[in-house]
Amino acid sequence: MRHFLLFYDFAPDYAARRNAYREHHLARAWPASERGELVLAGALTDPLDTGVLLFKAATAATAEEFARNDPYVVNGLVAAWRVREWITAVGEDATSPVRAPSGESPI
């Protein structure tokens, strides 16, 4: 499994229109999380202009399919989206763990 980041560039009126589609968006997001595909998701603030969703999947197609069918995208709350593979190297859930050689300080 690999990690993929789905970035949403919100439309200028995202905050004003979000509530109308939020329930439908969450109705897709929570099942994806329960299946183990969507690890974390949320919005960056100050300014509220970007969403970031972390997926764990075999290919980018999982994140791409989510975006193509997300009510936020379908209804124009997202002006643009893109998926990038994220090679995670440190942490319990890293997909490509890298450690300093035993006994060596990384500094």
C-alpha atoms as a PDB file:
ATOM      1  CA  MET A   1       0.000   0.000   0.000  1.00  0.00           C
ATOM      2  CA  ARG A   2       1.064   3.571  -0.690  1.00  0.00           C
ATOM      3  CA  HIS A   3       0.013   7.018   0.508  1.00  0.00           C
ATOM      4  CA  PHE A   4      -1.631   9.563  -1.773  1.00  0.00           C
ATOM      5  CA  LEU A   5      -2.560  13.153  -0.986  1.00  0.00           C
ATOM      6  CA  LEU A   6      -5.627  14.615  -2.645  1.00  0.00           C
ATOM      7  CA  PHE A   7      -5.479  18.405  -2.707  1.00  0.00           C
ATOM      8  CA  TYR A   8      -8.597  20.499  -3.243  1.00  0.00           C
ATOM      9  CA  ASP A   9      -8.342  24.141  -4.294  1.00  0.00           C
ATOM     10  CA  PHE A  10     -11.586  25.594  -3.008  1.00  0.00           C
ATOM     11  CA  ALA A  11     -13.719  27.950  -5.082  1.00  0.00           C
ATOM     12  CA  PRO A  12     -13.900  31.515  -3.707  1.00  0.00           C
ATOM     13  CA  ASP A  13     -17.457  30.890  -2.416  1.00  0.00           C
ATOM     14  CA  TYR A  14     -16.614  27.532  -0.789  1.00  0.00           C
ATOM     15  CA  ALA A  15     -17.300  28.640   2.800  1.00  0.00           C
ATOM     16  CA  ALA A  16     -20.661  30.169   1.878  1.00  0.00           C
ATOM     17  CA  ARG A  17     -21.835  27.062  -0.033  1.00  0.00           C
ATOM     18  CA  ARG A  18     -20.246  24.219   1.953  1.00  0.00           C
ATOM     19  CA  ASN A  19     -23.179  23.512   4.297  1.00  0.00           C
ATOM     20  CA  ALA A  20     -25.498  22.616   1.411  1.00  0.00           C
ATOM     21  CA  TYR A  21     -23.210  19.711   0.377  1.00  0.00           C
ATOM     22  CA  ARG A  22     -21.378  18.806   3.576  1.00  0.00           C
ATOM     23  CA  GLU A  23     -23.714  15.962   4.602  1.00  0.00           C
ATOM     24  CA  HIS A  24     -23.339  14.310   1.182  1.00  0.00           C
ATOM     25  CA  HIS A  25     -19.567  14.831   1.207  1.00  0.00           C
ATOM     26  CA  LEU A  26     -19.273  13.229   4.654  1.00  0.00           C
ATOM     27  CA  ALA A  27     -21.557  10.374   3.587  1.00  0.00           C
ATOM     28  CA  ARG A  28     -18.823   9.445   1.060  1.00  0.00           C
ATOM     29  CA  ALA A  29     -15.853  10.253   3.279  1.00  0.00           C
ATOM     30  CA  TRP A  30     -16.716   8.221   6.383  1.00  0.00           C
ATOM     31  CA  PRO A  31     -17.296   4.922   4.531  1.00  0.00           C
ATOM     32  CA  ALA A  32     -13.993   5.441   2.691  1.00  0.00           C
ATOM     33  CA  SER A  33     -12.357   5.898   6.089  1.00  0.00           C
ATOM     34  CA  GLU A  34     -14.048   2.797   7.496  1.00  0.00           C
ATOM     35  CA  ARG A  35     -12.715   0.791   4.507  1.00  0.00           C
ATOM     36  CA  GLY A  36      -9.201   1.991   5.409  1.00  0.00           C
ATOM     37  CA  GLU A  37      -8.790   4.049   2.233  1.00  0.00           C
ATOM     38  CA  LEU A  38      -9.213   7.565   3.603  1.00  0.00           C
ATOM     39  CA  VAL A  39      -6.846   8.012   6.542  1.00  0.00           C
ATOM     40  CA  LEU A  40      -7.365  11.703   7.358  1.00  0.00           C
ATOM     41  CA  ALA A  41      -9.153  14.604   5.714  1.00  0.00           C
ATOM     42  CA  GLY A  42      -9.801  18.233   6.421  1.00  0.00           C
ATOM     43  CA  ALA A  43      -9.342  21.846   5.398  1.00  0.00           C
ATOM     44  CA  LEU A  44      -6.412  24.198   5.812  1.00  0.00           C
ATOM     45  CA  THR A  45      -7.406  27.457   7.452  1.00  0.00           C
ATOM     46  CA  ASP A  46      -6.340  31.096   7.477  1.00  0.00           C
ATOM     47  CA  PRO A  47      -7.173  31.274   4.655  1.00  0.00           C
ATOM     48  CA  LEU A  48      -9.807  28.586   4.112  1.00  0.00           C
ATOM     49  CA  ASP A  49      -8.731  27.808   0.547  1.00  0.00           C
ATOM     50  CA  THR A  50      -7.419  24.225   0.460  1.00  0.00           C
ATOM     51  CA  GLY A  51      -8.539  20.754   1.467  1.00  0.00           C
ATOM     52  CA  VAL A  52      -6.137  17.864   2.022  1.00  0.00           C
ATOM     53  CA  LEU A  53      -7.186  14.213   2.083  1.00  0.00           C
ATOM     54  CA  LEU A  54      -4.729  11.404   2.854  1.00  0.00           C
ATOM     55  CA  PHE A  55      -5.454   8.061   1.209  1.00  0.00           C
ATOM     56  CA  LYS A  56      -3.787   4.686   1.716  1.00  0.00           C
ATOM     57  CA  ALA A  57      -4.264   2.545  -1.380  1.00  0.00           C
ATOM     58  CA  ALA A  58      -2.497   0.461  -4.001  1.00  0.00           C
ATOM     59  CA  THR A  59      -2.857   3.156  -6.672  1.00  0.00           C
ATOM     60  CA  ALA A  60      -3.828   6.791  -7.093  1.00  0.00           C
ATOM     61  CA  ALA A  61      -7.088   5.638  -8.701  1.00  0.00           C
ATOM     62  CA  THR A  62      -8.741   5.363  -5.269  1.00  0.00           C
ATOM     63  CA  ALA A  63      -8.182   9.053  -4.495  1.00  0.00           C
ATOM     64  CA  GLU A  64      -9.012  10.088  -8.064  1.00  0.00           C
ATOM     65  CA  GLU A  65     -12.326   8.210  -7.998  1.00  0.00           C
ATOM     66  CA  PHE A  66     -13.190   9.803  -4.673  1.00  0.00           C
ATOM     67  CA  ALA A  67     -12.558  13.281  -6.080  1.00  0.00           C
ATOM     68  CA  ARG A  68     -14.449  12.744  -9.339  1.00  0.00           C
ATOM     69  CA  ASN A  69     -17.578  11.732  -7.395  1.00  0.00           C
ATOM     70  CA  ASP A  70     -17.291  14.019  -4.363  1.00  0.00           C
ATOM     71  CA  PRO A  71     -20.294  16.365  -4.071  1.00  0.00           C
ATOM     72  CA  TYR A  72     -17.886  19.250  -3.377  1.00  0.00           C
ATOM     73  CA  VAL A  73     -16.226  18.667  -6.765  1.00  0.00           C
ATOM     74  CA  VAL A  74     -19.404  17.809  -8.688  1.00  0.00           C
ATOM     75  CA  ASN A  75     -21.141  20.976  -7.439  1.00  0.00           C
ATOM     76  CA  GLY A  76     -18.258  23.371  -8.076  1.00  0.00           C
ATOM     77  CA  LEU A  77     -17.073  24.019  -4.518  1.00  0.00           C
ATOM     78  CA  VAL A  78     -13.670  22.727  -5.626  1.00  0.00           C
ATOM     79  CA  ALA A  79     -12.100  24.780  -8.428  1.00  0.00           C
ATOM     80  CA  ALA A  80      -9.295  22.255  -9.042  1.00  0.00           C
ATOM     81  CA  TRP A  81      -7.948  19.064  -7.533  1.00  0.00           C
ATOM     82  CA  ARG A  82      -4.825  16.949  -7.884  1.00  0.00           C
ATOM     83  CA  VAL A  83      -3.431  13.718  -6.450  1.00  0.00           C
ATOM     84  CA  ARG A  84       0.215  13.309  -5.478  1.00  0.00           C
ATOM     85  CA  GLU A  85       1.909  10.198  -4.170  1.00  0.00           C
ATOM     86  CA  TRP A  86       3.477  10.820  -0.771  1.00  0.00           C
ATOM     87  CA  ILE A  87       6.397   8.568   0.092  1.00  0.00           C
ATOM     88  CA  THR A  88       6.183   8.420   3.866  1.00  0.00           C
ATOM     89  CA  ALA A  89       9.468   7.561   5.570  1.00  0.00           C
ATOM     90  CA  VAL A  90       8.963   8.133   9.307  1.00  0.00           C
ATOM     91  CA  GLY A  91       6.199   7.066  11.655  1.00  0.00           C
ATOM     92  CA  GLU A  92       4.263   3.984  12.614  1.00  0.00           C
ATOM     93  CA  ASP A  93       2.208   4.065   9.409  1.00  0.00           C
ATOM     94  CA  ALA A  94       5.044   4.973   7.032  1.00  0.00           C
ATOM     95  CA  THR A  95       4.860   2.993   3.815  1.00  0.00           C
ATOM     96  CA  SER A  96       8.619   3.247   3.107  1.00  0.00           C
ATOM     97  CA  PRO A  97      10.253   3.434   6.556  1.00  0.00           C
ATOM     98  CA  VAL A  98      13.820   4.753   6.661  1.00  0.00           C
ATOM     99  CA  ARG A  99      15.877   4.706   9.848  1.00  0.00           C
ATOM    100  CA  ALA A 100      19.328   6.047  10.673  1.00  0.00           C
ATOM    101  CA  PRO A 101      21.904   3.248  10.811  1.00  0.00           C
ATOM    102  CA  SER A 102      22.040   1.707  14.280  1.00  0.00           C
ATOM    103  CA  GLY A 103      24.222   3.631  16.672  1.00  0.00           C
ATOM    104  CA  GLU A 104      24.681   6.635  14.368  1.00  0.00           C
ATOM    105  CA  SER A 105      23.345  10.049  15.149  1.00  0.00           C
ATOM    106  CA  PRO A 106      21.455  11.575  12.226  1.00  0.00           C
ATOM    107  CA  ILE A 107      22.980  14.977  13.076  1.00  0.00           C
END
